[in-house]
Protein backbone atom coordinates (compact mmCIF):
# COMPACT_ATOMS: atom_id res chain seq x y z
CA MET A 1 76.44 130.63 -108.49
CA SER A 2 73.25 132.59 -109.03
CA VAL A 3 69.52 132.27 -108.52
CA LYS A 4 67.22 133.13 -111.42
CA ILE A 5 63.55 133.93 -110.91
CA LYS A 6 61.29 134.32 -113.94
CA ASP A 7 57.65 135.44 -113.98
CA LEU A 8 57.11 134.07 -110.47
CA THR A 9 53.57 134.30 -109.10
CA VAL A 10 52.04 133.09 -105.83
CA THR A 11 48.27 133.37 -105.41
CA PHE A 12 46.60 131.91 -102.34
CA LYS A 13 43.19 130.24 -102.11
CA ASN A 14 41.61 133.49 -100.93
CA ARG A 15 42.71 134.96 -104.31
CA VAL A 16 45.28 137.21 -102.70
CA THR A 17 48.38 137.49 -104.91
CA ALA A 18 51.41 137.75 -102.61
CA VAL A 19 54.04 137.58 -105.38
CA ASN A 20 53.07 139.13 -108.69
CA HIS A 21 55.02 138.11 -111.84
CA VAL A 22 58.43 138.70 -110.28
CA ASP A 23 61.63 138.60 -112.35
CA MET A 24 64.91 138.69 -110.45
CA ILE A 25 68.52 137.50 -110.67
CA ILE A 26 70.35 137.05 -107.36
CA PRO A 27 74.11 136.93 -108.06
CA LYS A 28 77.02 135.73 -105.92
CA GLY A 29 77.62 137.89 -102.83
CA ILE A 30 75.06 139.62 -100.62
CA TYR A 31 71.88 140.70 -102.36
CA GLY A 32 69.35 142.83 -100.49
CA LEU A 33 65.59 142.39 -100.47
CA LEU A 34 63.93 145.48 -99.08
CA GLY A 35 60.28 146.18 -98.44
CA GLU A 36 57.67 147.00 -95.85
CA ASN A 37 55.89 144.31 -93.85
CA GLY A 38 53.39 142.61 -96.15
CA ALA A 39 55.34 143.40 -99.31
CA GLY A 40 55.66 139.70 -100.23
CA LYS A 41 59.25 139.15 -99.13
CA THR A 42 58.53 136.21 -96.82
CA THR A 43 56.33 134.48 -99.43
CA LEU A 44 59.11 134.85 -102.00
CA MET A 45 61.62 133.35 -99.56
CA ARG A 46 59.32 130.43 -98.80
CA VAL A 47 59.33 129.64 -102.52
CA LEU A 48 63.13 129.93 -102.69
CA THR A 49 63.51 127.53 -99.74
CA THR A 50 61.13 125.00 -101.39
CA VAL A 51 58.62 125.37 -98.52
CA LEU A 52 55.98 126.79 -100.87
CA LYS A 53 55.21 125.88 -104.47
CA PRO A 54 54.53 128.85 -106.75
CA THR A 55 51.34 129.30 -108.73
CA GLY A 56 53.33 130.13 -111.85
CA GLY A 57 56.78 130.94 -113.14
CA THR A 58 60.16 129.28 -112.58
CA VAL A 59 63.11 129.42 -110.19
CA SER A 60 66.56 127.93 -110.79
CA LEU A 61 69.53 127.58 -108.43
CA ASP A 62 72.90 127.23 -110.16
CA GLY A 63 71.07 125.96 -113.25
CA ILE A 64 68.88 123.49 -111.34
CA ILE A 65 65.19 124.24 -111.96
CA TYR A 66 62.94 123.97 -108.90
CA GLY A 67 60.57 121.00 -109.13
CA ASP A 68 59.40 117.91 -107.27
CA ASN A 69 62.30 115.86 -108.63
CA THR A 70 64.96 118.43 -107.67
CA TYR A 71 63.75 119.78 -104.31
CA GLU A 72 65.86 117.37 -102.26
CA LYS A 73 69.03 118.31 -104.14
CA ILE A 74 68.24 122.01 -103.84
CA GLN A 75 67.50 121.78 -100.11
CA LYS A 76 71.03 120.51 -99.47
CA LYS A 77 72.40 123.70 -101.01
CA ILE A 78 70.25 126.06 -98.93
CA GLY A 79 70.52 127.55 -95.44
CA TYR A 80 67.53 129.48 -94.07
CA LEU A 81 66.90 131.79 -91.13
CA PRO A 82 63.15 132.53 -91.04
CA GLN A 83 61.65 135.55 -89.33
CA GLU A 84 60.07 133.28 -86.72
CA ILE A 85 62.19 130.28 -85.73
CA ASP A 86 61.18 127.41 -83.46
CA LEU A 87 64.11 126.10 -81.43
CA TYR A 88 64.12 123.35 -78.84
CA PRO A 89 63.46 125.14 -75.51
CA ASN A 90 64.75 122.38 -73.22
CA LEU A 91 68.06 121.86 -75.01
CA THR A 92 71.15 123.93 -74.37
CA VAL A 93 72.46 126.14 -77.15
CA ARG A 94 75.18 123.63 -78.00
CA GLU A 95 72.86 120.61 -77.77
CA CYS A 96 70.39 122.34 -80.08
CA LEU A 97 73.07 123.10 -82.67
CA GLU A 98 74.55 119.59 -82.44
CA TYR A 99 71.10 118.09 -83.02
CA MET A 100 70.46 120.34 -86.02
CA GLY A 101 73.87 119.45 -87.42
CA GLU A 102 73.04 115.77 -87.05
CA LEU A 103 69.73 116.28 -88.88
CA SER A 104 71.69 117.92 -91.71
CA GLY A 105 74.03 114.93 -91.94
CA ILE A 106 77.16 116.84 -90.93
CA GLU A 107 79.98 114.67 -89.59
CA LYS A 108 80.27 115.14 -85.79
CA THR A 109 83.85 116.41 -85.65
CA VAL A 110 83.26 118.86 -88.49
CA CYS A 111 79.99 119.99 -86.91
CA SER A 112 81.67 120.58 -83.54
CA GLN A 113 84.39 122.71 -85.15
CA ARG A 114 81.82 124.79 -87.02
CA ILE A 115 79.75 125.27 -83.88
CA ASP A 116 82.83 126.50 -81.98
CA PHE A 117 83.66 128.90 -84.80
CA TYR A 118 80.20 130.42 -85.12
CA LEU A 119 79.61 130.61 -81.36
CA GLN A 120 82.68 132.83 -81.19
CA LYS A 121 81.63 134.89 -84.22
CA THR A 122 78.18 135.55 -82.73
CA SER A 123 79.38 136.13 -79.12
CA LEU A 124 77.45 133.10 -77.88
CA ALA A 125 80.40 130.97 -76.69
CA ALA A 126 79.85 132.05 -73.09
CA HIS A 127 76.15 131.12 -73.33
CA GLN A 128 76.41 127.71 -74.99
CA LYS A 129 75.37 125.82 -71.85
CA LYS A 130 72.21 127.85 -71.36
CA LYS A 131 68.84 126.36 -72.22
CA ILE A 132 67.20 127.88 -75.29
CA ARG A 133 64.26 128.97 -73.13
CA GLN A 134 66.64 131.12 -71.05
CA LEU A 135 67.80 133.19 -74.01
CA SER A 136 66.62 136.63 -75.04
CA GLY A 137 64.93 137.09 -78.41
CA GLY A 138 68.13 138.51 -79.91
CA MET A 139 70.21 135.58 -78.69
CA LYS A 140 67.72 133.12 -80.17
CA ARG A 141 68.09 134.93 -83.52
CA ARG A 142 71.84 134.37 -83.33
CA VAL A 143 71.37 130.66 -82.59
CA GLY A 144 69.00 130.49 -85.55
CA LEU A 145 71.60 132.11 -87.77
CA ILE A 146 74.22 129.57 -86.70
CA GLN A 147 71.92 126.66 -87.59
CA ALA A 148 71.44 128.21 -91.04
CA LEU A 149 75.22 128.42 -91.52
CA LEU A 150 76.17 124.98 -90.19
CA ASN A 151 75.95 123.10 -93.49
CA GLU A 152 77.88 125.91 -95.23
CA PRO A 153 75.15 126.37 -97.86
CA ASP A 154 75.76 127.67 -101.37
CA PHE A 155 72.64 129.81 -100.99
CA LEU A 156 71.91 131.42 -97.62
CA ILE A 157 68.55 133.13 -97.08
CA VAL A 158 68.16 135.31 -93.99
CA ASP A 159 64.94 137.06 -92.99
CA GLU A 160 65.46 140.00 -90.61
CA PRO A 161 68.67 138.55 -89.07
CA THR A 162 69.41 141.62 -86.92
CA THR A 163 66.01 141.87 -85.22
CA GLY A 164 66.38 142.25 -81.47
CA LEU A 165 70.15 142.83 -81.55
CA ASP A 166 71.96 145.78 -80.01
CA PRO A 167 74.02 148.02 -82.34
CA GLU A 168 77.33 146.26 -81.67
CA GLU A 169 75.85 142.82 -82.31
CA ARG A 170 74.15 144.04 -85.49
CA ILE A 171 77.54 145.07 -86.80
CA ARG A 172 79.02 141.66 -85.90
CA ILE A 173 76.24 139.78 -87.67
CA ARG A 174 76.48 141.98 -90.75
CA THR A 175 80.25 141.43 -90.85
CA LEU A 176 79.76 137.67 -90.50
CA LEU A 177 77.34 137.64 -93.44
CA VAL A 178 79.69 139.68 -95.60
CA ASP A 179 82.56 137.27 -94.85
CA PHE A 180 80.33 134.26 -95.52
CA SER A 181 79.20 135.65 -98.88
CA LYS A 182 82.70 135.75 -100.37
CA ASP A 183 82.18 132.59 -102.46
CA ARG A 184 78.44 132.13 -101.95
CA THR A 185 75.08 133.78 -102.52
CA VAL A 186 73.28 135.45 -99.59
CA LEU A 187 69.77 136.89 -99.81
CA PHE A 188 69.39 139.44 -97.00
CA SER A 189 65.73 140.35 -96.49
CA THR A 190 64.87 143.24 -94.19
CA HIS A 191 62.90 146.43 -93.75
CA VAL A 192 65.91 148.07 -92.02
CA VAL A 193 67.56 150.18 -94.73
CA GLU A 194 70.73 150.70 -92.69
CA ASP A 195 71.53 146.97 -92.71
CA LEU A 196 71.59 146.82 -96.50
CA ALA A 197 73.53 150.05 -96.87
CA ALA A 198 76.25 148.47 -94.72
CA THR A 199 76.41 145.07 -96.44
CA CYS A 200 75.50 144.99 -100.13
CA ASN A 201 75.72 146.96 -103.36
CA ARG A 202 72.76 145.39 -105.17
CA LEU A 203 69.16 144.93 -104.09
CA SER A 204 65.52 144.60 -105.05
CA ILE A 205 62.65 146.60 -103.57
CA MET A 206 59.25 144.93 -103.18
CA LYS A 207 55.85 146.48 -102.63
CA LYS A 208 52.48 144.72 -102.72
CA GLY A 209 54.00 141.62 -104.29
CA SER A 210 55.77 143.40 -107.16
CA ILE A 211 59.37 144.42 -107.74
CA LEU A 212 59.66 148.19 -107.98
CA TYR A 213 63.42 148.25 -108.44
CA SER A 214 66.26 145.79 -109.03
CA GLY A 215 69.83 146.91 -109.47
CA GLY A 216 72.76 148.68 -107.86
CA ILE A 217 72.52 150.92 -104.82
CA ARG A 218 74.50 153.64 -106.59
CA GLU A 219 71.98 153.67 -109.46
CA LEU A 220 69.11 153.70 -106.95
CA LEU A 221 70.55 156.79 -105.28
CA GLU A 222 70.79 158.45 -108.70
CA GLU A 223 67.05 157.89 -109.22
CA ALA A 224 66.28 160.14 -106.25
CA LYS A 225 68.98 162.71 -106.97
CA GLY A 226 67.58 166.24 -107.06
CA CYS A 227 64.48 165.16 -105.12
CA VAL A 228 65.77 165.49 -101.55
CA TRP A 229 65.72 168.84 -99.77
CA SER A 230 66.89 170.07 -96.37
CA CYS A 231 64.41 172.43 -94.76
CA TYR A 232 64.18 174.41 -91.50
CA ALA A 233 60.97 175.07 -89.57
CA GLU A 234 60.78 177.55 -86.72
CA ASN A 235 58.20 175.59 -84.72
CA GLU A 236 56.13 172.39 -84.65
CA GLU A 237 53.13 174.02 -86.34
CA GLU A 238 55.26 175.07 -89.32
CA ALA A 239 56.78 171.59 -89.48
CA LEU A 240 53.34 169.96 -89.48
CA GLU A 241 52.25 172.12 -92.42
CA LEU A 242 55.29 170.89 -94.40
CA GLU A 243 54.49 167.27 -93.48
CA LYS A 244 50.98 167.69 -94.91
CA SER A 245 52.39 168.69 -98.30
CA TYR A 246 55.56 166.61 -98.67
CA HIS A 247 57.03 163.21 -97.88
CA VAL A 248 59.36 163.60 -94.89
CA SER A 249 62.31 161.19 -94.57
CA ALA A 250 63.90 162.79 -91.49
CA LYS A 251 62.92 165.19 -88.73
CA GLN A 252 64.92 166.39 -85.77
CA TYR A 253 64.87 169.19 -83.23
CA VAL A 254 67.74 171.67 -83.49
CA ASP A 255 68.51 175.02 -81.86
CA ASN A 256 65.52 177.33 -82.26
CA GLY A 257 63.45 175.01 -84.44
CA LEU A 258 63.28 171.78 -86.43
CA LYS A 259 65.28 170.42 -89.34
CA LEU A 260 63.40 168.32 -91.89
CA LYS A 261 64.36 166.38 -94.98
CA LEU A 262 61.67 166.64 -97.65
CA LEU A 263 61.22 164.54 -100.79
CA CYS A 264 59.89 166.43 -103.78
CA GLU A 265 60.69 166.30 -107.50
CA LYS A 266 60.92 170.09 -107.67
CA LYS A 267 62.00 172.67 -105.12
CA PRO A 268 59.43 172.82 -102.29
CA ASP A 269 57.59 176.03 -101.55
CA ALA A 270 59.73 176.62 -98.46
CA ASP A 271 63.16 177.82 -97.43
CA CYS A 272 65.27 174.77 -98.35
CA ARG A 273 68.33 173.56 -100.21
CA PRO A 274 69.19 170.30 -102.02
CA CYS A 275 71.05 167.70 -99.95
CA GLU A 276 72.80 164.37 -100.36
CA VAL A 277 70.60 161.34 -101.02
CA THR A 278 70.74 158.40 -98.58
CA LEU A 279 69.49 154.88 -99.26
CA GLU A 280 66.55 155.55 -96.96
CA ASP A 281 65.62 158.63 -98.99
CA ALA A 282 65.83 156.66 -102.23
CA TYR A 283 63.71 153.84 -100.78
CA ILE A 284 60.96 156.26 -99.75
CA TYR A 285 61.12 157.93 -103.16
CA ILE A 286 60.81 154.63 -105.04
CA THR A 287 57.98 153.24 -102.89
CA ASN A 288 55.91 156.39 -102.48
CA MET A 289 56.59 158.92 -105.21
CA LYS A 290 57.82 157.41 -108.46
CA ASP A 291 55.23 156.59 -111.11
CA TYR A 292 55.22 153.07 -112.63
């Protein structure tokens, strides 16, 4: 099962183009969508969930082309966790999930079993009797993720699913998504590079509505190979001078100075050595340095 996007464009009434002639194929498994805030990721996901009609181009899900006569069929195949989710504040966690399961037409016994399973997987079993309004932001995200999983969709779309979670819970959610993607397609949208490095091997990078890169993570790392340098500065003033001249992807204080990671296509005019490329380095290189 795959999702195919061809020449997709979304232009709003104020003439702002949020998605600009995007071509993308989202295969089975977890596929990453990476980009800064305002890159067009959320607009693209609104199209994929049938919430927003595109200005131009086509989208197909498992061969079914998006259109007025197919939206209902497509919606039954989709689960969606938006960046901002409205839950029912006066219902308990379990009541909220049972109600959402009922709206999705899931048989009660099956729904109850799935709720039990996902409450355990997201560490919410002990909180299922709490009112939604009593939950922290991170806990509400986890409830939102469960509602997106309840109908066991063929195509799961998650927008910043680890926002507000502590490191241990982020790992649990990432593991849950990897397990869920075994026979399905998951689009994982985020601006947190670490989340994608830990979950997927293919991704697309968006900036200002356009796709700058689509492909494997290994190939993306190769694009930035030879452009990442480890450098030492004796003091803050020296470090600031380097920051004026080069893109800096990492900076930390060490004994007797600072260690910086610089991005430059040729050896910087400083005491430095080449170092291993991380996904974060490659992302900064693609979005800030490469010519298109």
